[in-house]
Amino acid sequence: MKSNLVFLFMIFLSLSTYAQIDSRNNAFSIPAIEAPKDTSDLKPETPEIKPESNLDIPEPVTNTPFPKKPFSMLPEEEFGDPGELYADNINKTLDHLRLSKEELEMRNGSTVDQFLGEFRSNATSVNVVYRDHGYMDGDVIQVRVNDDVVQARIFLSNSFKGFKLDLHPGINKIDFLALNQGESGPNTAEFRVTDDTGALVTHNQWNLAKGVKATVIVVKE
């Protein structure tokens, strides 16, 4: 009986010794990790977002009630009434087109009757001739003597044409009436009056608007 107890005690002792040796051989240690003292470097990283260059983003629309005025180096004039601006433009245009009375008559023809003078003569008769002194453009006249029609409708050419007038004692009034203004402006003509000896009594020119007349008087002494 004692030998059995001794045997069991020896087995128990050997197992306990083996367990201690095995625990020493298999043990390991885990090193401690120190926590970082500066936490500024531990902020989460924010991903960088690059703008899309191909995005079609419409530009903002701004409402402008009035269009911008064009740049100008000239001073601007203020007009409260559009009529004032129109009148101002007309006046500026006319300033460049100011013509004398003579220049206007040359361009448009006289709009009032023209008196070309009074002349005296001892002749029995005179020859009255006339022609278009400018471009032959279809000027037509009527000739009257003392208000009587002696040439009803005469087409003016570049050659002189006319009639013989017997002078009555006293005033012999000769009227040249413009029936039209031709194709290029006023009725233009040159006339001559010579006595029965061929002496020149008078000569002159006219530029008449339609319906206007030029008058010359020959007084027989």
C-alpha atoms as a PDB file:
ATOM      1  CA  MET A   1       0.000   0.000   0.000  1.00  0.00           C
ATOM      2  CA  LYS A   2       2.735   2.431   0.803  1.00  0.00           C
ATOM      3  CA  SER A   3       4.553   1.519  -2.358  1.00  0.00           C
ATOM      4  CA  ASN A   4       1.475   2.508  -4.392  1.00  0.00           C
ATOM      5  CA  LEU A   5       1.248   5.883  -2.728  1.00  0.00           C
ATOM      6  CA  VAL A   6       4.907   6.510  -3.344  1.00  0.00           C
ATOM      7  CA  PHE A   7       4.463   5.607  -7.001  1.00  0.00           C
ATOM      8  CA  LEU A   8       1.510   7.961  -7.466  1.00  0.00           C
ATOM      9  CA  PHE A   9       3.373  10.756  -5.726  1.00  0.00           C
ATOM     10  CA  MET A  10       6.295  10.343  -8.075  1.00  0.00           C
ATOM     11  CA  ILE A  11       4.033  10.498 -11.156  1.00  0.00           C
ATOM     12  CA  PHE A  12       2.326  13.646  -9.882  1.00  0.00           C
ATOM     13  CA  LEU A  13       5.664  15.314  -9.192  1.00  0.00           C
ATOM     14  CA  SER A  14       7.020  14.524 -12.633  1.00  0.00           C
ATOM     15  CA  LEU A  15       3.930  15.933 -14.342  1.00  0.00           C
ATOM     16  CA  SER A  16       4.064  19.120 -12.303  1.00  0.00           C
ATOM     17  CA  THR A  17       7.736  19.620 -13.160  1.00  0.00           C
ATOM     18  CA  TYR A  18       7.080  19.090 -16.903  1.00  0.00           C
ATOM     19  CA  ALA A  19       4.255  21.609 -16.892  1.00  0.00           C
ATOM     20  CA  GLN A  20       6.450  24.263 -15.315  1.00  0.00           C
ATOM     21  CA  ILE A  21       9.222  23.720 -17.866  1.00  0.00           C
ATOM     22  CA  ASP A  22       6.798  23.814 -20.781  1.00  0.00           C
ATOM     23  CA  SER A  23       5.177  27.029 -19.517  1.00  0.00           C
ATOM     24  CA  ARG A  24       8.593  28.686 -19.315  1.00  0.00           C
ATOM     25  CA  ASN A  25       9.518  27.662 -22.869  1.00  0.00           C
ATOM     26  CA  ASN A  26       6.240  28.820 -24.515  1.00  0.00           C
ATOM     27  CA  ALA A  27       5.780  32.152 -22.758  1.00  0.00           C
ATOM     28  CA  PHE A  28       6.201  35.441 -24.791  1.00  0.00           C
ATOM     29  CA  SER A  29       5.774  39.126 -24.006  1.00  0.00           C
ATOM     30  CA  ILE A  30       3.857  41.816 -26.038  1.00  0.00           C
ATOM     31  CA  PRO A  31       5.670  45.155 -26.069  1.00  0.00           C
ATOM     32  CA  ALA A  32       3.627  48.163 -25.060  1.00  0.00           C
ATOM     33  CA  ILE A  33       2.878  50.817 -27.726  1.00  0.00           C
ATOM     34  CA  GLU A  34       3.191  54.377 -26.559  1.00  0.00           C
ATOM     35  CA  ALA A  35       0.432  56.742 -27.646  1.00  0.00           C
ATOM     36  CA  PRO A  36       1.704  59.776 -29.645  1.00  0.00           C
ATOM     37  CA  LYS A  37       1.771  62.940 -27.638  1.00  0.00           C
ATOM     38  CA  ASP A  38       1.196  65.384 -30.664  1.00  0.00           C
ATOM     39  CA  THR A  39      -2.173  64.645 -32.254  1.00  0.00           C
ATOM     40  CA  SER A  40      -1.957  67.398 -34.934  1.00  0.00           C
ATOM     41  CA  ASP A  41      -0.526  64.916 -37.439  1.00  0.00           C
ATOM     42  CA  LEU A  42      -3.393  62.524 -36.890  1.00  0.00           C
ATOM     43  CA  LYS A  43      -6.051  64.672 -38.655  1.00  0.00           C
ATOM     44  CA  PRO A  44      -7.881  62.767 -41.348  1.00  0.00           C
ATOM     45  CA  GLU A  45      -6.680  63.587 -44.838  1.00  0.00           C
ATOM     46  CA  THR A  46      -9.204  65.435 -47.058  1.00  0.00           C
ATOM     47  CA  PRO A  47      -9.105  64.265 -50.676  1.00  0.00           C
ATOM     48  CA  GLU A  48      -8.283  67.048 -53.143  1.00  0.00           C
ATOM     49  CA  ILE A  49     -11.158  67.717 -55.562  1.00  0.00           C
ATOM     50  CA  LYS A  50     -10.042  69.042 -58.929  1.00  0.00           C
ATOM     51  CA  PRO A  51     -12.514  71.168 -60.919  1.00  0.00           C
ATOM     52  CA  GLU A  52     -13.871  69.661 -64.053  1.00  0.00           C
ATOM     53  CA  SER A  53     -12.634  71.720 -66.994  1.00  0.00           C
ATOM     54  CA  ASN A  54     -15.172  70.298 -69.443  1.00  0.00           C
ATOM     55  CA  LEU A  55     -18.266  71.197 -67.469  1.00  0.00           C
ATOM     56  CA  ASP A  56     -20.569  73.485 -69.498  1.00  0.00           C
ATOM     57  CA  ILE A  57     -21.654  75.985 -66.874  1.00  0.00           C
ATOM     58  CA  PRO A  58     -23.757  78.872 -68.312  1.00  0.00           C
ATOM     59  CA  GLU A  59     -22.594  82.372 -67.488  1.00  0.00           C
ATOM     60  CA  PRO A  60     -24.875  84.417 -65.263  1.00  0.00           C
ATOM     61  CA  VAL A  61     -27.243  86.656 -67.203  1.00  0.00           C
ATOM     62  CA  THR A  62     -27.476  90.270 -66.151  1.00  0.00           C
ATOM     63  CA  ASN A  63     -30.459  92.313 -67.216  1.00  0.00           C
ATOM     64  CA  THR A  64     -29.461  95.746 -68.542  1.00  0.00           C
ATOM     65  CA  PRO A  65     -32.443  98.046 -69.154  1.00  0.00           C
ATOM     66  CA  PHE A  66     -30.600 100.218 -71.705  1.00  0.00           C
ATOM     67  CA  PRO A  67     -27.764  99.445 -74.145  1.00  0.00           C
ATOM     68  CA  LYS A  68     -24.409 100.931 -73.385  1.00  0.00           C
ATOM     69  CA  LYS A  69     -23.497 104.032 -75.383  1.00  0.00           C
ATOM     70  CA  PRO A  70     -20.589 103.639 -77.789  1.00  0.00           C
ATOM     71  CA  PHE A  71     -17.371 105.282 -76.784  1.00  0.00           C
ATOM     72  CA  SER A  72     -16.860 108.661 -78.434  1.00  0.00           C
ATOM     73  CA  MET A  73     -14.217 111.368 -78.174  1.00  0.00           C
ATOM     74  CA  LEU A  74     -16.746 114.022 -79.207  1.00  0.00           C
ATOM     75  CA  PRO A  75     -18.866 115.880 -76.642  1.00  0.00           C
ATOM     76  CA  GLU A  76     -22.458 114.794 -76.475  1.00  0.00           C
ATOM     77  CA  GLU A  77     -25.412 117.146 -76.599  1.00  0.00           C
ATOM     78  CA  GLU A  78     -28.487 116.447 -74.540  1.00  0.00           C
ATOM     79  CA  PHE A  79     -31.861 116.787 -76.235  1.00  0.00           C
ATOM     80  CA  GLY A  80     -35.038 116.404 -74.261  1.00  0.00           C
ATOM     81  CA  ASP A  81     -37.171 116.135 -77.399  1.00  0.00           C
ATOM     82  CA  PRO A  82     -36.316 113.896 -80.388  1.00  0.00           C
ATOM     83  CA  GLY A  83     -37.594 116.721 -82.593  1.00  0.00           C
ATOM     84  CA  GLU A  84     -34.820 118.945 -81.292  1.00  0.00           C
ATOM     85  CA  LEU A  85     -32.216 116.385 -82.331  1.00  0.00           C
ATOM     86  CA  TYR A  86     -33.768 116.133 -85.794  1.00  0.00           C
ATOM     87  CA  ALA A  87     -33.860 119.907 -86.195  1.00  0.00           C
ATOM     88  CA  ASP A  88     -30.276 120.195 -84.994  1.00  0.00           C
ATOM     89  CA  ASN A  89     -29.105 117.655 -87.592  1.00  0.00           C
ATOM     90  CA  ILE A  90     -30.980 119.528 -90.324  1.00  0.00           C
ATOM     91  CA  ASN A  91     -29.427 122.822 -89.287  1.00  0.00           C
ATOM     92  CA  LYS A  92     -25.940 121.335 -89.292  1.00  0.00           C
ATOM     93  CA  THR A  93     -26.519 119.971 -92.771  1.00  0.00           C
ATOM     94  CA  LEU A  94     -27.805 123.313 -94.000  1.00  0.00           C
ATOM     95  CA  ASP A  95     -24.761 125.065 -92.574  1.00  0.00           C
ATOM     96  CA  HIS A  96     -22.662 123.176 -95.100  1.00  0.00           C
ATOM     97  CA  LEU A  97     -25.092 123.955 -97.896  1.00  0.00           C
ATOM     98  CA  ARG A  98     -25.611 127.680 -97.380  1.00  0.00           C
ATOM     99  CA  LEU A  99     -25.914 129.236-100.812  1.00  0.00           C
ATOM    100  CA  SER A 100     -26.237 132.835-101.887  1.00  0.00           C
ATOM    101  CA  LYS A 101     -29.354 134.039-103.677  1.00  0.00           C
ATOM    102  CA  GLU A 102     -27.507 133.969-106.976  1.00  0.00           C
ATOM    103  CA  GLU A 103     -26.243 130.434-106.329  1.00  0.00           C
ATOM    104  CA  LEU A 104     -29.762 129.253-105.470  1.00  0.00           C
ATOM    105  CA  GLU A 105     -31.131 130.796-108.646  1.00  0.00           C
ATOM    106  CA  MET A 106     -28.412 129.136-110.682  1.00  0.00           C
ATOM    107  CA  ARG A 107     -29.256 125.783-109.128  1.00  0.00           C
ATOM    108  CA  ASN A 108     -33.046 125.900-108.808  1.00  0.00           C
ATOM    109  CA  GLY A 109     -34.035 128.845-110.986  1.00  0.00           C
ATOM    110  CA  SER A 110     -35.592 132.114-109.913  1.00  0.00           C
ATOM    111  CA  THR A 111     -39.038 131.707-108.419  1.00  0.00           C
ATOM    112  CA  VAL A 112     -39.961 135.380-108.936  1.00  0.00           C
ATOM    113  CA  ASP A 113     -40.327 137.319-112.173  1.00  0.00           C
ATOM    114  CA  GLN A 114     -37.120 138.923-113.420  1.00  0.00           C
ATOM    115  CA  PHE A 115     -36.850 142.428-114.894  1.00  0.00           C
ATOM    116  CA  LEU A 116     -33.856 142.577-117.229  1.00  0.00           C
ATOM    117  CA  GLY A 117     -33.863 146.305-117.976  1.00  0.00           C
ATOM    118  CA  GLU A 118     -35.369 149.137-120.038  1.00  0.00           C
ATOM    119  CA  PHE A 119     -33.661 150.361-123.232  1.00  0.00           C
ATOM    120  CA  ARG A 120     -34.362 153.181-125.717  1.00  0.00           C
ATOM    121  CA  SER A 121     -34.088 153.030-129.490  1.00  0.00           C
ATOM    122  CA  ASN A 122     -34.936 155.154-132.569  1.00  0.00           C
ATOM    123  CA  ALA A 123     -35.144 152.043-134.743  1.00  0.00           C
ATOM    124  CA  THR A 124     -38.273 151.079-136.627  1.00  0.00           C
ATOM    125  CA  SER A 125     -37.930 147.428-135.664  1.00  0.00           C
ATOM    126  CA  VAL A 126     -35.749 145.066-133.631  1.00  0.00           C
ATOM    127  CA  ASN A 127     -34.745 141.419-133.955  1.00  0.00           C
ATOM    128  CA  VAL A 128     -35.337 139.305-130.841  1.00  0.00           C
ATOM    129  CA  VAL A 129     -33.396 136.006-130.744  1.00  0.00           C
ATOM    130  CA  TYR A 130     -32.793 133.400-128.008  1.00  0.00           C
ATOM    131  CA  ARG A 131     -31.168 130.019-127.389  1.00  0.00           C
ATOM    132  CA  ASP A 132     -30.449 127.576-124.568  1.00  0.00           C
ATOM    133  CA  HIS A 133     -27.129 128.809-123.186  1.00  0.00           C
ATOM    134  CA  GLY A 134     -26.527 125.649-121.140  1.00  0.00           C
ATOM    135  CA  TYR A 135     -26.969 121.964-121.822  1.00  0.00           C
ATOM    136  CA  MET A 136     -29.780 121.460-124.356  1.00  0.00           C
ATOM    137  CA  ASP A 137     -32.192 119.556-122.129  1.00  0.00           C
ATOM    138  CA  GLY A 138     -35.637 120.419-123.508  1.00  0.00           C
ATOM    139  CA  ASP A 139     -36.299 123.936-122.174  1.00  0.00           C
ATOM    140  CA  VAL A 140     -39.497 125.433-123.642  1.00  0.00           C
ATOM    141  CA  ILE A 141     -40.642 129.087-123.470  1.00  0.00           C
ATOM    142  CA  GLN A 142     -43.495 131.320-124.555  1.00  0.00           C
ATOM    143  CA  VAL A 143     -42.886 134.875-125.890  1.00  0.00           C
ATOM    144  CA  ARG A 144     -45.318 137.745-125.355  1.00  0.00           C
ATOM    145  CA  VAL A 145     -45.198 141.374-126.533  1.00  0.00           C
ATOM    146  CA  ASN A 146     -47.311 143.849-124.582  1.00  0.00           C
ATOM    147  CA  ASP A 147     -49.081 140.782-123.085  1.00  0.00           C
ATOM    148  CA  ASP A 148     -49.974 139.386-126.520  1.00  0.00           C
ATOM    149  CA  VAL A 149     -48.626 135.923-127.357  1.00  0.00           C
ATOM    150  CA  VAL A 150     -46.345 136.090-130.408  1.00  0.00           C
ATOM    151  CA  GLN A 151     -44.548 132.740-129.911  1.00  0.00           C
ATOM    152  CA  ALA A 152     -46.795 130.215-128.146  1.00  0.00           C
ATOM    153  CA  ARG A 153     -44.293 127.420-127.628  1.00  0.00           C
ATOM    154  CA  ILE A 154     -40.627 127.568-128.542  1.00  0.00           C
ATOM    155  CA  PHE A 155     -38.166 124.730-127.951  1.00  0.00           C
ATOM    156  CA  LEU A 156     -34.755 126.155-127.074  1.00  0.00           C
ATOM    157  CA  SER A 157     -31.785 124.673-128.886  1.00  0.00           C
ATOM    158  CA  ASN A 158     -28.141 125.710-128.886  1.00  0.00           C
ATOM    159  CA  SER A 159     -28.706 127.836-132.020  1.00  0.00           C
ATOM    160  CA  PHE A 160     -30.330 131.271-131.976  1.00  0.00           C
ATOM    161  CA  LYS A 161     -33.890 131.541-133.220  1.00  0.00           C
ATOM    162  CA  GLY A 162     -36.433 134.391-132.909  1.00  0.00           C
ATOM    163  CA  PHE A 163     -38.615 136.912-134.685  1.00  0.00           C
ATOM    164  CA  LYS A 164     -38.741 140.481-135.984  1.00  0.00           C
ATOM    165  CA  LEU A 165     -40.652 142.969-133.855  1.00  0.00           C
ATOM    166  CA  ASP A 166     -42.004 146.232-135.274  1.00  0.00           C
ATOM    167  CA  LEU A 167     -41.675 148.852-132.567  1.00  0.00           C
ATOM    168  CA  HIS A 168     -44.623 150.974-131.583  1.00  0.00           C
ATOM    169  CA  PRO A 169     -44.021 154.466-130.198  1.00  0.00           C
ATOM    170  CA  GLY A 170     -43.545 154.265-126.464  1.00  0.00           C
ATOM    171  CA  ILE A 171     -43.161 151.047-124.468  1.00  0.00           C
ATOM    172  CA  ASN A 172     -42.645 147.675-126.126  1.00  0.00           C
ATOM    173  CA  LYS A 173     -42.616 145.019-123.359  1.00  0.00           C
ATOM    174  CA  ILE A 174     -41.181 141.609-124.206  1.00  0.00           C
ATOM    175  CA  ASP A 175     -41.868 138.703-121.817  1.00  0.00           C
ATOM    176  CA  PHE A 176     -40.135 135.310-121.884  1.00  0.00           C
ATOM    177  CA  LEU A 177     -42.228 132.789-119.904  1.00  0.00           C
ATOM    178  CA  ALA A 178     -40.659 129.484-118.791  1.00  0.00           C
ATOM    179  CA  LEU A 179     -43.067 126.669-119.598  1.00  0.00           C
ATOM    180  CA  ASN A 180     -40.845 124.007-118.032  1.00  0.00           C
ATOM    181  CA  GLN A 181     -37.418 123.419-116.511  1.00  0.00           C
ATOM    182  CA  GLY A 182     -36.083 120.817-118.904  1.00  0.00           C
ATOM    183  CA  GLU A 183     -34.368 117.662-117.657  1.00  0.00           C
ATOM    184  CA  SER A 184     -31.458 119.160-115.749  1.00  0.00           C
ATOM    185  CA  GLY A 185     -32.611 122.058-113.652  1.00  0.00           C
ATOM    186  CA  PRO A 186     -33.981 125.529-114.329  1.00  0.00           C
ATOM    187  CA  ASN A 187     -35.070 126.988-117.639  1.00  0.00           C
ATOM    188  CA  THR A 188     -31.881 128.628-118.935  1.00  0.00           C
ATOM    189  CA  ALA A 189     -31.544 130.864-121.957  1.00  0.00           C
ATOM    190  CA  GLU A 190     -29.565 133.649-123.553  1.00  0.00           C
ATOM    191  CA  PHE A 191     -31.316 136.374-125.574  1.00  0.00           C
ATOM    192  CA  ARG A 192     -30.246 139.302-127.780  1.00  0.00           C
ATOM    193  CA  VAL A 193     -32.082 142.330-129.109  1.00  0.00           C
ATOM    194  CA  THR A 194     -30.601 144.169-132.123  1.00  0.00           C
ATOM    195  CA  ASP A 195     -32.053 147.101-134.115  1.00  0.00           C
ATOM    196  CA  ASP A 196     -32.698 147.222-137.849  1.00  0.00           C
ATOM    197  CA  THR A 197     -29.137 148.393-138.449  1.00  0.00           C
ATOM    198  CA  GLY A 198     -27.684 145.410-136.575  1.00  0.00           C
ATOM    199  CA  ALA A 199     -26.683 147.454-133.535  1.00  0.00           C
ATOM    200  CA  LEU A 200     -26.985 145.621-130.244  1.00  0.00           C
ATOM    201  CA  VAL A 201     -29.735 147.059-128.039  1.00  0.00           C
ATOM    202  CA  THR A 202     -29.394 144.577-125.141  1.00  0.00           C
ATOM    203  CA  HIS A 203     -28.454 141.017-124.331  1.00  0.00           C
ATOM    204  CA  ASN A 204     -28.732 138.947-121.162  1.00  0.00           C
ATOM    205  CA  GLN A 205     -29.441 135.504-119.704  1.00  0.00           C
ATOM    206  CA  TRP A 206     -32.077 134.005-117.432  1.00  0.00           C
ATOM    207  CA  ASN A 207     -32.439 131.052-115.075  1.00  0.00           C
ATOM    208  CA  LEU A 208     -36.135 130.540-114.377  1.00  0.00           C
ATOM    209  CA  ALA A 209     -38.278 128.079-112.518  1.00  0.00           C
ATOM    210  CA  LYS A 210     -41.365 126.819-114.264  1.00  0.00           C
ATOM    211  CA  GLY A 211     -44.096 129.488-114.610  1.00  0.00           C
ATOM    212  CA  VAL A 212     -41.720 132.426-114.002  1.00  0.00           C
ATOM    213  CA  LYS A 213     -40.994 135.086-116.634  1.00  0.00           C
ATOM    214  CA  ALA A 214     -38.173 137.425-117.588  1.00  0.00           C
ATOM    215  CA  THR A 215     -39.069 140.876-118.978  1.00  0.00           C
ATOM    216  CA  VAL A 216     -37.172 143.402-121.074  1.00  0.00           C
ATOM    217  CA  ILE A 217     -38.574 146.760-122.236  1.00  0.00           C
ATOM    218  CA  VAL A 218     -37.612 148.609-125.427  1.00  0.00           C
ATOM    219  CA  VAL A 219     -38.849 152.228-125.573  1.00  0.00           C
ATOM    220  CA  LYS A 220     -39.160 153.745-129.067  1.00  0.00           C
ATOM    221  CA  GLU A 221     -38.354 157.427-128.950  1.00  0.00           C
END
